[in-house]
C-alpha atoms as a PDB file:
ATOM      1  CA  MET A   1     241.114  32.182 134.663  1.00  0.00           C
ATOM      2  CA  THR A   2     243.568  30.049 132.578  1.00  0.00           C
ATOM      3  CA  ALA A   3     245.923  27.694 134.240  1.00  0.00           C
ATOM      4  CA  LEU A   4     248.867  29.847 133.090  1.00  0.00           C
ATOM      5  CA  ARG A   5     247.204  32.904 134.259  1.00  0.00           C
ATOM      6  CA  ARG A   6     246.559  31.428 137.806  1.00  0.00           C
ATOM      7  CA  ARG A   7     250.021  30.216 137.896  1.00  0.00           C
ATOM      8  CA  LEU A   8     251.653  33.210 136.910  1.00  0.00           C
ATOM      9  CA  GLN A   9     249.547  35.237 139.429  1.00  0.00           C
ATOM     10  CA  ASP A  10     250.202  32.689 142.318  1.00  0.00           C
ATOM     11  CA  THR A  11     253.847  33.186 141.607  1.00  0.00           C
ATOM     12  CA  ALA A  12     253.622  37.042 141.429  1.00  0.00           C
ATOM     13  CA  ASP A  13     251.699  37.213 144.907  1.00  0.00           C
ATOM     14  CA  ALA A  14     254.534  34.597 146.334  1.00  0.00           C
ATOM     15  CA  LEU A  15     257.219  36.541 145.215  1.00  0.00           C
ATOM     16  CA  VAL A  16     255.695  40.096 146.865  1.00  0.00           C
ATOM     17  CA  ARG A  17     254.886  38.258 150.092  1.00  0.00           C
ATOM     18  CA  SER A  18     258.303  36.912 150.412  1.00  0.00           C
ATOM     19  CA  GLY A  19     259.670  40.385 149.854  1.00  0.00           C
ATOM     20  CA  ALA A  20     261.736  39.363 146.819  1.00  0.00           C
ATOM     21  CA  GLU A  21     259.457  41.836 144.804  1.00  0.00           C
ATOM     22  CA  ARG A  22     257.687  45.087 145.612  1.00  0.00           C
ATOM     23  CA  GLY A  23     255.714  45.418 142.695  1.00  0.00           C
ATOM     24  CA  LEU A  24     255.268  43.612 139.375  1.00  0.00           C
ATOM     25  CA  GLN A  25     253.337  43.206 136.035  1.00  0.00           C
ATOM     26  CA  ILE A  26     253.389  40.009 133.625  1.00  0.00           C
ATOM     27  CA  ALA A  27     251.967  39.900 130.481  1.00  0.00           C
ATOM     28  CA  VAL A  28     251.590  37.060 127.736  1.00  0.00           C
ATOM     29  CA  TYR A  29     250.329  37.372 124.049  1.00  0.00           C
ATOM     30  CA  ARG A  30     250.114  34.223 122.001  1.00  0.00           C
ATOM     31  CA  HIS A  31     249.540  34.386 118.273  1.00  0.00           C
ATOM     32  CA  GLY A  32     248.118  37.921 118.804  1.00  0.00           C
ATOM     33  CA  GLU A  33     245.989  37.192 121.882  1.00  0.00           C
ATOM     34  CA  GLN A  34     246.437  38.400 125.180  1.00  0.00           C
ATOM     35  CA  VAL A  35     246.320  35.144 127.308  1.00  0.00           C
ATOM     36  CA  ALA A  36     247.718  36.810 130.443  1.00  0.00           C
ATOM     37  CA  ASP A  37     247.815  40.253 132.255  1.00  0.00           C
ATOM     38  CA  VAL A  38     248.926  40.004 135.970  1.00  0.00           C
ATOM     39  CA  VAL A  39     249.666  42.276 138.626  1.00  0.00           C
ATOM     40  CA  ALA A  40     250.753  42.092 141.933  1.00  0.00           C
ATOM     41  CA  GLY A  41     252.226  44.367 144.894  1.00  0.00           C
ATOM     42  CA  LEU A  42     252.659  48.154 145.023  1.00  0.00           C
ATOM     43  CA  ALA A  43     253.602  50.672 142.685  1.00  0.00           C
ATOM     44  CA  ASP A  44     254.577  53.319 145.339  1.00  0.00           C
ATOM     45  CA  PRO A  45     255.192  51.890 148.922  1.00  0.00           C
ATOM     46  CA  ALA A  46     255.312  55.619 150.229  1.00  0.00           C
ATOM     47  CA  THR A  47     251.712  56.003 149.486  1.00  0.00           C
ATOM     48  CA  GLY A  48     250.563  52.539 149.260  1.00  0.00           C
ATOM     49  CA  ARG A  49     249.524  53.013 145.586  1.00  0.00           C
ATOM     50  CA  PRO A  50     248.940  49.703 144.078  1.00  0.00           C
ATOM     51  CA  VAL A  51     250.388  48.279 140.760  1.00  0.00           C
ATOM     52  CA  THR A  52     247.743  48.213 138.029  1.00  0.00           C
ATOM     53  CA  PRO A  53     247.844  46.997 134.497  1.00  0.00           C
ATOM     54  CA  ASP A  54     248.409  50.624 133.040  1.00  0.00           C
ATOM     55  CA  THR A  55     250.971  51.281 135.498  1.00  0.00           C
ATOM     56  CA  PRO A  56     254.240  52.190 133.221  1.00  0.00           C
ATOM     57  CA  PHE A  57     257.580  51.314 134.715  1.00  0.00           C
ATOM     58  CA  HIS A  58     260.973  52.691 134.116  1.00  0.00           C
ATOM     59  CA  ALA A  59     262.603  49.300 132.513  1.00  0.00           C
ATOM     60  CA  PHE A  60     266.418  50.651 131.882  1.00  0.00           C
ATOM     61  CA  SER A  61     267.966  48.850 128.924  1.00  0.00           C
ATOM     62  CA  ALA A  62     264.484  46.569 128.309  1.00  0.00           C
ATOM     63  CA  GLY A  63     263.818  49.760 126.384  1.00  0.00           C
ATOM     64  CA  LYS A  64     266.430  49.005 123.841  1.00  0.00           C
ATOM     65  CA  GLY A  65     263.957  46.690 122.311  1.00  0.00           C
ATOM     66  CA  LEU A  66     261.316  49.666 121.829  1.00  0.00           C
ATOM     67  CA  THR A  67     264.057  51.563 120.005  1.00  0.00           C
ATOM     68  CA  ALA A  68     265.196  48.605 117.882  1.00  0.00           C
ATOM     69  CA  THR A  69     261.135  47.888 116.719  1.00  0.00           C
ATOM     70  CA  LEU A  70     261.039  51.539 115.651  1.00  0.00           C
ATOM     71  CA  VAL A  71     263.736  51.017 113.429  1.00  0.00           C
ATOM     72  CA  HIS A  72     262.431  48.096 111.864  1.00  0.00           C
ATOM     73  CA  VAL A  73     258.994  49.789 111.363  1.00  0.00           C
ATOM     74  CA  LEU A  74     260.888  52.516 109.595  1.00  0.00           C
ATOM     75  CA  ALA A  75     262.591  50.092 107.578  1.00  0.00           C
ATOM     76  CA  GLU A  76     259.468  48.381 106.775  1.00  0.00           C
ATOM     77  CA  ARG A  77     258.133  51.548 104.915  1.00  0.00           C
ATOM     78  CA  GLY A  78     261.586  52.247 103.255  1.00  0.00           C
ATOM     79  CA  ALA A  79     262.550  55.049 105.470  1.00  0.00           C
ATOM     80  CA  LEU A  80     265.907  53.342 106.024  1.00  0.00           C
ATOM     81  CA  ARG A  81     268.111  50.641 105.224  1.00  0.00           C
ATOM     82  CA  TYR A  82     270.065  48.429 107.630  1.00  0.00           C
ATOM     83  CA  ASP A  83     273.323  48.536 105.566  1.00  0.00           C
ATOM     84  CA  THR A  84     273.274  52.342 104.919  1.00  0.00           C
ATOM     85  CA  PRO A  85     276.295  54.063 106.692  1.00  0.00           C
ATOM     86  CA  ILE A  86     275.600  56.066 109.374  1.00  0.00           C
ATOM     87  CA  ALA A  87     277.500  59.043 108.561  1.00  0.00           C
ATOM     88  CA  ARG A  88     275.461  59.014 105.208  1.00  0.00           C
ATOM     89  CA  ILE A  89     272.492  60.362 107.246  1.00  0.00           C
ATOM     90  CA  TRP A  90     274.534  61.762 110.109  1.00  0.00           C
ATOM     91  CA  PRO A  91     277.771  63.372 108.599  1.00  0.00           C
ATOM     92  CA  GLU A  92     279.501  64.279 111.933  1.00  0.00           C
ATOM     93  CA  PHE A  93     279.159  60.514 113.166  1.00  0.00           C
ATOM     94  CA  GLY A  94     281.998  59.668 110.565  1.00  0.00           C
ATOM     95  CA  ALA A  95     285.116  61.283 112.401  1.00  0.00           C
ATOM     96  CA  HIS A  96     287.927  59.192 113.509  1.00  0.00           C
ATOM     97  CA  GLY A  97     287.180  56.447 110.828  1.00  0.00           C
ATOM     98  CA  LYS A  98     283.529  55.653 111.982  1.00  0.00           C
ATOM     99  CA  ASP A  99     282.413  56.460 108.426  1.00  0.00           C
ATOM    100  CA  THR A 100     281.994  52.787 107.443  1.00  0.00           C
ATOM    101  CA  ALA A 101     279.627  52.040 110.534  1.00  0.00           C
ATOM    102  CA  THR A 102     276.223  51.060 109.398  1.00  0.00           C
ATOM    103  CA  ILE A 103     272.626  51.017 111.026  1.00  0.00           C
ATOM    104  CA  ARG A 104     273.174  47.299 111.090  1.00  0.00           C
ATOM    105  CA  ASP A 105     276.113  47.838 113.037  1.00  0.00           C
ATOM    106  CA  ALA A 106     274.521  50.083 115.660  1.00  0.00           C
ATOM    107  CA  LEU A 107     271.758  47.473 115.991  1.00  0.00           C
ATOM    108  CA  THR A 108     274.285  44.980 116.705  1.00  0.00           C
ATOM    109  CA  HIS A 109     276.626  47.063 119.066  1.00  0.00           C
ATOM    110  CA  ALA A 110     279.085  47.006 116.524  1.00  0.00           C
ATOM    111  CA  THR A 111     280.206  50.641 115.637  1.00  0.00           C
ATOM    112  CA  GLY A 112     283.165  50.464 118.230  1.00  0.00           C
ATOM    113  CA  VAL A 113     281.903  53.304 120.347  1.00  0.00           C
ATOM    114  CA  PRO A 114     280.537  52.081 123.613  1.00  0.00           C
ATOM    115  CA  GLY A 115     282.551  54.063 125.993  1.00  0.00           C
ATOM    116  CA  LEU A 116     281.421  57.451 127.712  1.00  0.00           C
ATOM    117  CA  PRO A 117     283.724  59.943 129.708  1.00  0.00           C
ATOM    118  CA  PRO A 118     283.972  58.898 133.484  1.00  0.00           C
ATOM    119  CA  ASP A 119     282.784  62.077 134.549  1.00  0.00           C
ATOM    120  CA  LEU A 120     279.242  61.736 132.586  1.00  0.00           C
ATOM    121  CA  THR A 121     276.401  63.301 134.788  1.00  0.00           C
ATOM    122  CA  PRO A 122     272.852  62.641 134.545  1.00  0.00           C
ATOM    123  CA  GLU A 123     272.399  66.130 133.062  1.00  0.00           C
ATOM    124  CA  HIS A 124     274.733  65.395 130.404  1.00  0.00           C
ATOM    125  CA  LEU A 125     272.668  62.202 129.615  1.00  0.00           C
ATOM    126  CA  CYS A 126     269.560  64.153 129.346  1.00  0.00           C
ATOM    127  CA  ASP A 127     271.028  66.668 127.105  1.00  0.00           C
ATOM    128  CA  TRP A 128     270.443  65.242 123.339  1.00  0.00           C
ATOM    129  CA  HIS A 129     272.755  67.410 121.739  1.00  0.00           C
ATOM    130  CA  HIS A 130     275.451  67.143 124.037  1.00  0.00           C
ATOM    131  CA  MET A 131     275.352  63.256 123.917  1.00  0.00           C
ATOM    132  CA  CYS A 132     275.174  63.173 119.910  1.00  0.00           C
ATOM    133  CA  ALA A 133     278.136  65.614 119.643  1.00  0.00           C
ATOM    134  CA  LEU A 134     280.089  63.654 122.225  1.00  0.00           C
ATOM    135  CA  ILE A 135     279.553  60.377 120.596  1.00  0.00           C
ATOM    136  CA  ALA A 136     280.125  61.601 116.916  1.00  0.00           C
ATOM    137  CA  ASP A 137     283.553  62.730 118.028  1.00  0.00           C
ATOM    138  CA  ALA A 138     284.504  59.805 119.810  1.00  0.00           C
ATOM    139  CA  ARG A 139     287.132  57.602 118.467  1.00  0.00           C
ATOM    140  CA  PRO A 140     286.236  53.852 118.104  1.00  0.00           C
ATOM    141  CA  TRP A 141     287.627  51.216 120.306  1.00  0.00           C
ATOM    142  CA  TRP A 142     287.742  48.802 117.301  1.00  0.00           C
ATOM    143  CA  GLU A 143     287.178  49.192 113.551  1.00  0.00           C
ATOM    144  CA  PRO A 144     283.385  49.359 113.076  1.00  0.00           C
ATOM    145  CA  GLY A 145     281.684  46.280 111.851  1.00  0.00           C
ATOM    146  CA  THR A 146     284.570  44.018 113.097  1.00  0.00           C
ATOM    147  CA  GLY A 147     283.479  42.999 116.356  1.00  0.00           C
ATOM    148  CA  THR A 148     280.678  43.436 119.038  1.00  0.00           C
ATOM    149  CA  GLY A 149     280.814  45.131 122.450  1.00  0.00           C
ATOM    150  CA  TYR A 150     277.832  46.244 124.623  1.00  0.00           C
ATOM    151  CA  HIS A 151     276.729  49.956 123.901  1.00  0.00           C
ATOM    152  CA  SER A 152     274.912  50.232 127.191  1.00  0.00           C
ATOM    153  CA  TYR A 153     273.986  54.205 126.753  1.00  0.00           C
ATOM    154  CA  THR A 154     275.508  54.833 123.379  1.00  0.00           C
ATOM    155  CA  PHE A 155     273.121  52.512 121.571  1.00  0.00           C
ATOM    156  CA  GLY A 156     270.344  54.667 121.894  1.00  0.00           C
ATOM    157  CA  HIS A 157     271.719  58.103 121.113  1.00  0.00           C
ATOM    158  CA  ILE A 158     273.286  56.388 117.699  1.00  0.00           C
ATOM    159  CA  VAL A 159     270.004  54.712 116.680  1.00  0.00           C
ATOM    160  CA  GLY A 160     267.895  57.458 118.035  1.00  0.00           C
ATOM    161  CA  GLU A 161     269.896  60.106 115.986  1.00  0.00           C
ATOM    162  CA  VAL A 162     269.641  58.165 113.164  1.00  0.00           C
ATOM    163  CA  VAL A 163     265.940  57.970 113.576  1.00  0.00           C
ATOM    164  CA  ARG A 164     265.524  61.784 114.426  1.00  0.00           C
ATOM    165  CA  ARG A 165     267.460  62.712 110.932  1.00  0.00           C
ATOM    166  CA  VAL A 166     265.157  60.202 109.009  1.00  0.00           C
ATOM    167  CA  THR A 167     261.791  61.294 110.250  1.00  0.00           C
ATOM    168  CA  GLY A 168     262.810  64.830 111.364  1.00  0.00           C
ATOM    169  CA  VAL A 169     261.424  64.404 114.767  1.00  0.00           C
ATOM    170  CA  PRO A 170     262.790  63.422 118.159  1.00  0.00           C
ATOM    171  CA  VAL A 171     262.915  59.605 118.635  1.00  0.00           C
ATOM    172  CA  SER A 172     260.374  59.853 121.672  1.00  0.00           C
ATOM    173  CA  LYS A 173     257.650  61.363 119.133  1.00  0.00           C
ATOM    174  CA  ALA A 174     258.912  59.080 116.279  1.00  0.00           C
ATOM    175  CA  PHE A 175     258.412  55.889 118.457  1.00  0.00           C
ATOM    176  CA  ALA A 176     254.853  57.334 119.852  1.00  0.00           C
ATOM    177  CA  ASP A 177     253.584  58.079 116.342  1.00  0.00           C
ATOM    178  CA  GLU A 178     255.069  55.059 114.610  1.00  0.00           C
ATOM    179  CA  VAL A 179     254.645  52.238 117.129  1.00  0.00           C
ATOM    180  CA  ALA A 180     252.746  53.239 120.323  1.00  0.00           C
ATOM    181  CA  ALA A 181     249.860  54.790 118.532  1.00  0.00           C
ATOM    182  CA  PRO A 182     249.102  52.067 115.903  1.00  0.00           C
ATOM    183  CA  LEU A 183     249.161  49.651 118.718  1.00  0.00           C
ATOM    184  CA  LYS A 184     246.823  51.829 120.541  1.00  0.00           C
ATOM    185  CA  VAL A 185     248.967  51.734 123.881  1.00  0.00           C
ATOM    186  CA  PRO A 186     250.169  55.488 123.849  1.00  0.00           C
ATOM    187  CA  GLY A 187     249.843  55.737 127.495  1.00  0.00           C
ATOM    188  CA  GLU A 188     251.608  52.695 128.175  1.00  0.00           C
ATOM    189  CA  LEU A 189     254.845  52.493 126.085  1.00  0.00           C
ATOM    190  CA  PHE A 190     257.446  55.396 125.839  1.00  0.00           C
ATOM    191  CA  LEU A 191     261.019  56.565 125.025  1.00  0.00           C
ATOM    192  CA  GLY A 192     260.873  59.395 127.371  1.00  0.00           C
ATOM    193  CA  VAL A 193     257.620  59.991 129.449  1.00  0.00           C
ATOM    194  CA  PRO A 194     255.674  63.122 129.128  1.00  0.00           C
ATOM    195  CA  ARG A 195     255.804  64.984 132.328  1.00  0.00           C
ATOM    196  CA  ALA A 196     252.195  64.981 132.968  1.00  0.00           C
ATOM    197  CA  GLU A 197     252.257  61.143 133.245  1.00  0.00           C
ATOM    198  CA  LEU A 198     255.276  61.178 135.519  1.00  0.00           C
ATOM    199  CA  ARG A 199     252.727  60.626 138.460  1.00  0.00           C
ATOM    200  CA  ARG A 200     251.481  57.093 137.021  1.00  0.00           C
ATOM    201  CA  LEU A 201     255.076  55.569 137.154  1.00  0.00           C
ATOM    202  CA  ALA A 202     256.005  52.952 139.698  1.00  0.00           C
ATOM    203  CA  ARG A 203     258.674  54.065 142.205  1.00  0.00           C
ATOM    204  CA  LEU A 204     261.702  52.096 141.939  1.00  0.00           C
ATOM    205  CA  GLU A 205     263.901  51.084 145.005  1.00  0.00           C
ATOM    206  CA  ASP A 206     267.091  48.911 145.310  1.00  0.00           C
ATOM    207  CA  ALA A 207     267.120  45.305 146.377  1.00  0.00           C
ATOM    208  CA  PRO A 208     270.202  44.312 148.506  1.00  0.00           C
ATOM    209  CA  GLY A 209     273.334  44.179 146.306  1.00  0.00           C
ATOM    210  CA  ASN A 210     271.808  46.461 143.630  1.00  0.00           C
ATOM    211  CA  GLY A 211     273.340  49.763 143.162  1.00  0.00           C
ATOM    212  CA  ALA A 212     276.683  48.894 144.734  1.00  0.00           C
ATOM    213  CA  ALA A 213     279.453  50.791 143.485  1.00  0.00           C
ATOM    214  CA  PRO A 214     281.789  48.568 141.004  1.00  0.00           C
ATOM    215  CA  PRO A 215     285.453  48.937 141.651  1.00  0.00           C
ATOM    216  CA  ASP A 216     287.650  51.232 139.396  1.00  0.00           C
ATOM    217  CA  GLY A 217     288.541  49.651 136.335  1.00  0.00           C
ATOM    218  CA  SER A 218     285.662  47.707 136.061  1.00  0.00           C
ATOM    219  CA  PRO A 219     284.305  47.476 132.169  1.00  0.00           C
ATOM    220  CA  VAL A 220     280.751  48.410 133.901  1.00  0.00           C
ATOM    221  CA  LEU A 221     281.845  52.077 134.376  1.00  0.00           C
ATOM    222  CA  ALA A 222     283.644  52.225 130.935  1.00  0.00           C
ATOM    223  CA  VAL A 223     280.193  52.160 129.467  1.00  0.00           C
ATOM    224  CA  ALA A 224     277.896  53.399 132.237  1.00  0.00           C
ATOM    225  CA  PRO A 225     279.984  55.911 134.411  1.00  0.00           C
ATOM    226  CA  ARG A 226     279.527  56.064 138.107  1.00  0.00           C
ATOM    227  CA  GLY A 227     276.919  58.982 137.702  1.00  0.00           C
ATOM    228  CA  VAL A 228     274.310  57.331 135.424  1.00  0.00           C
ATOM    229  CA  LEU A 229     274.521  53.874 137.015  1.00  0.00           C
ATOM    230  CA  PRO A 230     271.299  52.189 136.830  1.00  0.00           C
ATOM    231  CA  THR A 231     269.997  52.619 140.461  1.00  0.00           C
ATOM    232  CA  ALA A 232     266.739  53.578 141.845  1.00  0.00           C
ATOM    233  CA  ALA A 233     267.629  56.838 142.651  1.00  0.00           C
ATOM    234  CA  PHE A 234     268.846  57.692 139.098  1.00  0.00           C
ATOM    235  CA  GLY A 235     265.758  55.841 137.374  1.00  0.00           C
ATOM    236  CA  ASN A 236     263.150  57.915 139.639  1.00  0.00           C
ATOM    237  CA  ARG A 237     264.592  61.291 138.584  1.00  0.00           C
ATOM    238  CA  ALA A 238     262.063  63.039 136.648  1.00  0.00           C
ATOM    239  CA  ASP A 239     264.799  64.636 134.213  1.00  0.00           C
ATOM    240  CA  VAL A 240     265.975  61.047 133.208  1.00  0.00           C
ATOM    241  CA  LEU A 241     262.237  59.835 133.063  1.00  0.00           C
ATOM    242  CA  THR A 242     261.297  62.665 130.698  1.00  0.00           C
ATOM    243  CA  ALA A 243     264.489  62.766 128.573  1.00  0.00           C
ATOM    244  CA  ALA A 244     265.078  60.966 125.382  1.00  0.00           C
ATOM    245  CA  ILE A 245     267.606  58.237 126.554  1.00  0.00           C
ATOM    246  CA  PRO A 246     266.525  55.618 124.161  1.00  0.00           C
ATOM    247  CA  ALA A 247     268.719  52.832 125.400  1.00  0.00           C
ATOM    248  CA  ALA A 248     266.208  52.710 128.427  1.00  0.00           C
ATOM    249  CA  GLY A 249     262.370  52.982 128.248  1.00  0.00           C
ATOM    250  CA  GLN A 250     259.086  52.957 130.261  1.00  0.00           C
ATOM    251  CA  PHE A 251     256.574  50.684 129.592  1.00  0.00           C
ATOM    252  CA  THR A 252     253.637  48.317 131.218  1.00  0.00           C
ATOM    253  CA  ALA A 253     254.174  44.676 130.604  1.00  0.00           C
ATOM    254  CA  ARG A 254     251.012  44.315 128.524  1.00  0.00           C
ATOM    255  CA  ALA A 255     252.042  46.989 126.058  1.00  0.00           C
ATOM    256  CA  ALA A 256     255.707  45.596 125.633  1.00  0.00           C
ATOM    257  CA  ALA A 257     254.336  42.231 125.401  1.00  0.00           C
ATOM    258  CA  ARG A 258     251.540  43.678 122.776  1.00  0.00           C
ATOM    259  CA  MET A 259     254.463  45.097 120.863  1.00  0.00           C
ATOM    260  CA  TYR A 260     256.633  42.043 120.396  1.00  0.00           C
ATOM    261  CA  ALA A 261     253.452  40.114 119.478  1.00  0.00           C
ATOM    262  CA  ALA A 262     252.819  42.787 116.651  1.00  0.00           C
ATOM    263  CA  LEU A 263     256.351  41.934 115.371  1.00  0.00           C
ATOM    264  CA  LEU A 264     255.360  38.127 115.400  1.00  0.00           C
ATOM    265  CA  GLY A 265     252.085  38.692 113.590  1.00  0.00           C
ATOM    266  CA  PRO A 266     248.875  40.731 113.899  1.00  0.00           C
ATOM    267  CA  VAL A 267     247.351  42.149 116.948  1.00  0.00           C
ATOM    268  CA  ASP A 268     243.711  43.204 116.634  1.00  0.00           C
ATOM    269  CA  GLY A 269     244.620  44.012 112.884  1.00  0.00           C
ATOM    270  CA  VAL A 270     247.912  45.644 113.664  1.00  0.00           C
ATOM    271  CA  ARG A 271     251.103  43.972 112.405  1.00  0.00           C
ATOM    272  CA  LEU A 272     254.327  46.217 112.510  1.00  0.00           C
ATOM    273  CA  ILE A 273     256.266  44.501 110.159  1.00  0.00           C
ATOM    274  CA  SER A 274     255.677  41.767 107.605  1.00  0.00           C
ATOM    275  CA  ALA A 275     256.395  38.400 107.812  1.00  0.00           C
ATOM    276  CA  GLU A 276     259.659  38.461 105.423  1.00  0.00           C
ATOM    277  CA  ARG A 277     261.168  41.258 107.771  1.00  0.00           C
ATOM    278  CA  LEU A 278     260.547  39.189 110.774  1.00  0.00           C
ATOM    279  CA  ARG A 279     262.877  36.445 109.332  1.00  0.00           C
ATOM    280  CA  GLU A 280     265.669  39.292 109.360  1.00  0.00           C
ATOM    281  CA  VAL A 281     264.407  40.648 112.606  1.00  0.00           C
ATOM    282  CA  GLY A 282     264.674  37.487 114.525  1.00  0.00           C
ATOM    283  CA  THR A 283     267.483  35.666 112.703  1.00  0.00           C
ATOM    284  CA  PRO A 284     271.117  35.796 114.698  1.00  0.00           C
ATOM    285  CA  VAL A 285     273.494  37.809 112.625  1.00  0.00           C
ATOM    286  CA  VAL A 286     276.402  38.150 115.508  1.00  0.00           C
ATOM    287  CA  ASP A 287     277.734  35.007 117.818  1.00  0.00           C
ATOM    288  CA  ASP A 288     281.040  36.663 119.128  1.00  0.00           C
ATOM    289  CA  VAL A 289     282.946  37.507 122.281  1.00  0.00           C
ATOM    290  CA  ASP A 290     281.748  40.893 123.665  1.00  0.00           C
ATOM    291  CA  ARG A 291     284.649  43.442 123.588  1.00  0.00           C
ATOM    292  CA  VAL A 292     283.381  45.060 126.606  1.00  0.00           C
ATOM    293  CA  PHE A 293     282.387  42.376 129.018  1.00  0.00           C
ATOM    294  CA  GLY A 294     283.920  39.134 127.790  1.00  0.00           C
ATOM    295  CA  ASN A 295     280.701  37.254 127.497  1.00  0.00           C
ATOM    296  CA  ARG A 296     279.609  35.330 124.338  1.00  0.00           C
ATOM    297  CA  ALA A 297     277.076  37.654 122.348  1.00  0.00           C
ATOM    298  CA  VAL A 298     274.431  36.197 120.340  1.00  0.00           C
ATOM    299  CA  LEU A 299     272.558  39.284 118.752  1.00  0.00           C
ATOM    300  CA  ALA A 300     269.800  39.675 116.088  1.00  0.00           C
ATOM    301  CA  ASN A 301     269.161  42.929 114.509  1.00  0.00           C
ATOM    302  CA  GLY A 302     268.529  45.009 117.694  1.00  0.00           C
ATOM    303  CA  TYR A 303     267.749  42.241 120.224  1.00  0.00           C
ATOM    304  CA  ALA A 304     269.538  39.641 122.172  1.00  0.00           C
ATOM    305  CA  VAL A 305     268.962  35.936 120.957  1.00  0.00           C
ATOM    306  CA  GLY A 306     267.724  33.380 123.719  1.00  0.00           C
ATOM    307  CA  ARG A 307     265.399  33.188 126.484  1.00  0.00           C
ATOM    308  CA  VAL A 308     266.831  34.984 129.491  1.00  0.00           C
ATOM    309  CA  GLY A 309     268.900  32.574 131.562  1.00  0.00           C
ATOM    310  CA  THR A 310     268.871  30.068 128.744  1.00  0.00           C
ATOM    311  CA  ASP A 311     271.774  29.185 126.389  1.00  0.00           C
ATOM    312  CA  PRO A 312     271.020  30.872 123.059  1.00  0.00           C
ATOM    313  CA  ASP A 313     271.733  27.507 121.397  1.00  0.00           C
ATOM    314  CA  ASP A 314     268.763  26.059 123.554  1.00  0.00           C
ATOM    315  CA  THR A 315     266.293  28.906 122.661  1.00  0.00           C
ATOM    316  CA  PRO A 316     267.508  30.362 119.123  1.00  0.00           C
ATOM    317  CA  THR A 317     263.992  31.362 118.194  1.00  0.00           C
ATOM    318  CA  VAL A 318     263.645  33.904 121.171  1.00  0.00           C
ATOM    319  CA  PHE A 319     264.525  37.565 120.773  1.00  0.00           C
ATOM    320  CA  GLY A 320     264.345  40.426 123.297  1.00  0.00           C
ATOM    321  CA  TRP A 321     266.027  42.576 125.823  1.00  0.00           C
ATOM    322  CA  ALA A 322     266.397  42.453 129.343  1.00  0.00           C
ATOM    323  CA  GLY A 323     266.927  45.722 131.653  1.00  0.00           C
ATOM    324  CA  SER A 324     269.259  46.389 134.498  1.00  0.00           C
ATOM    325  CA  GLY A 325     266.992  45.641 137.886  1.00  0.00           C
ATOM    326  CA  GLY A 326     264.949  42.722 136.271  1.00  0.00           C
ATOM    327  CA  SER A 327     262.649  43.841 133.771  1.00  0.00           C
ATOM    328  CA  TYR A 328     262.376  41.916 130.441  1.00  0.00           C
ATOM    329  CA  ALA A 329     260.389  41.544 127.258  1.00  0.00           C
ATOM    330  CA  CYS A 330     260.940  39.061 124.423  1.00  0.00           C
ATOM    331  CA  ALA A 331     259.041  37.202 121.487  1.00  0.00           C
ATOM    332  CA  ASP A 332     259.460  33.815 120.175  1.00  0.00           C
ATOM    333  CA  THR A 333     259.088  32.979 116.610  1.00  0.00           C
ATOM    334  CA  ALA A 334     258.705  29.172 116.990  1.00  0.00           C
ATOM    335  CA  THR A 335     255.584  29.503 119.504  1.00  0.00           C
ATOM    336  CA  GLY A 336     254.077  32.696 118.638  1.00  0.00           C
ATOM    337  CA  VAL A 337     254.450  33.812 122.274  1.00  0.00           C
ATOM    338  CA  ALA A 338     255.337  37.016 123.372  1.00  0.00           C
ATOM    339  CA  PHE A 339     256.096  37.900 127.009  1.00  0.00           C
ATOM    340  CA  ALA A 340     257.042  40.635 129.258  1.00  0.00           C
ATOM    341  CA  VAL A 341     257.816  41.264 132.982  1.00  0.00           C
ATOM    342  CA  THR A 342     258.109  44.859 134.702  1.00  0.00           C
ATOM    343  CA  LYS A 343     259.070  45.234 138.544  1.00  0.00           C
ATOM    344  CA  ASN A 344     260.194  48.119 140.685  1.00  0.00           C
ATOM    345  CA  ARG A 345     262.424  46.480 143.188  1.00  0.00           C
ATOM    346  CA  LEU A 346     266.030  46.446 141.190  1.00  0.00           C
ATOM    347  CA  ALA A 347     267.874  43.255 141.767  1.00  0.00           C
ATOM    348  CA  PRO A 348     271.387  42.505 140.534  1.00  0.00           C
ATOM    349  CA  ASP A 349     270.297  39.652 138.817  1.00  0.00           C
ATOM    350  CA  PHE A 350     267.284  38.107 136.550  1.00  0.00           C
ATOM    351  CA  THR A 351     265.846  35.345 138.782  1.00  0.00           C
ATOM    352  CA  THR A 352     262.353  36.662 138.661  1.00  0.00           C
ATOM    353  CA  ALA A 353     262.393  36.883 135.258  1.00  0.00           C
ATOM    354  CA  GLN A 354     263.818  33.576 134.322  1.00  0.00           C
ATOM    355  CA  THR A 355     261.400  32.060 136.839  1.00  0.00           C
ATOM    356  CA  LEU A 356     258.407  33.461 134.983  1.00  0.00           C
ATOM    357  CA  ALA A 357     259.840  33.110 131.607  1.00  0.00           C
ATOM    358  CA  ALA A 358     260.166  29.615 132.143  1.00  0.00           C
ATOM    359  CA  ILE A 359     256.496  28.984 133.485  1.00  0.00           C
ATOM    360  CA  VAL A 360     255.298  30.991 130.153  1.00  0.00           C
ATOM    361  CA  ALA A 361     257.458  28.419 128.264  1.00  0.00           C
ATOM    362  CA  GLU A 362     256.337  25.392 129.821  1.00  0.00           C
ATOM    363  CA  SER A 363     252.850  26.331 129.842  1.00  0.00           C
ATOM    364  CA  THR A 364     252.749  27.538 126.026  1.00  0.00           C
END
């Protein structure tokens, strides 16, 4: 056992023993080689089923990194271009002045349509055509391309509908065919889980403080209404897990780390994008104030820049995305390291991911 793997295993075991975590996975690739694949705890406390390396977790917004990766794979083979107006592919989206919004704007949360109706239900969210019609007819909060603001759910449907219209297949299938299959992880990397695979998923639970209802008027509710807040009850629903909701995803840590590693370079002979495209994928293109939440947003094309818990200026070569509850996956162009952590005890912060990511950074 390498020193890094031993340190990660000891940390994971301690987190489970303390009650801070119920079950988790940690995986690290370096220069295309897997150097750690650690598991600890229970996938399902009700049955005692343990976490294994092939247990998928619902990882909420960490799935945005999967959807963005699919776009770059399609761009690599010439199926789309970042600066193409979305309305050229999806004409209905051009309503109410959104005709200038580009695919790059969608990747950088800049189309101006982050909001959703307050009465949105899980059933609405799982209805692809309902959601796309709703978003296409939305009036932008700002002129597309002139600012960024977190598109919590709408990111996935905007990007996913572009993918559907370009490829002719649902985004879940496009991802399975274009990303998961070449990486040889079809049973561990999903944008919507086949119903037959549901029994394999980890069961989510809420840690104290997670799932607390935000007050009326909270910006969270403008982009993720009460009915679709990222709680354990919501994330354990079979309809949510099997639907195409590509602002979220389901994966094992080792599959997510493998995907990010294959953005950086070859993994077992598979490279998802060229070195030239990687420079565009990992380079910050937005450094602005988020118009929804008011925080600083530093974004590359489809990813947040900076390691979780650090200032983006201090870790500018890291790109990835975190998900509500604490899952996280990323890559570092400077070190050639890809890292992912999945967990089923949903926390209101990213303490575990930050701790583990720091260990990896120190050790590689």
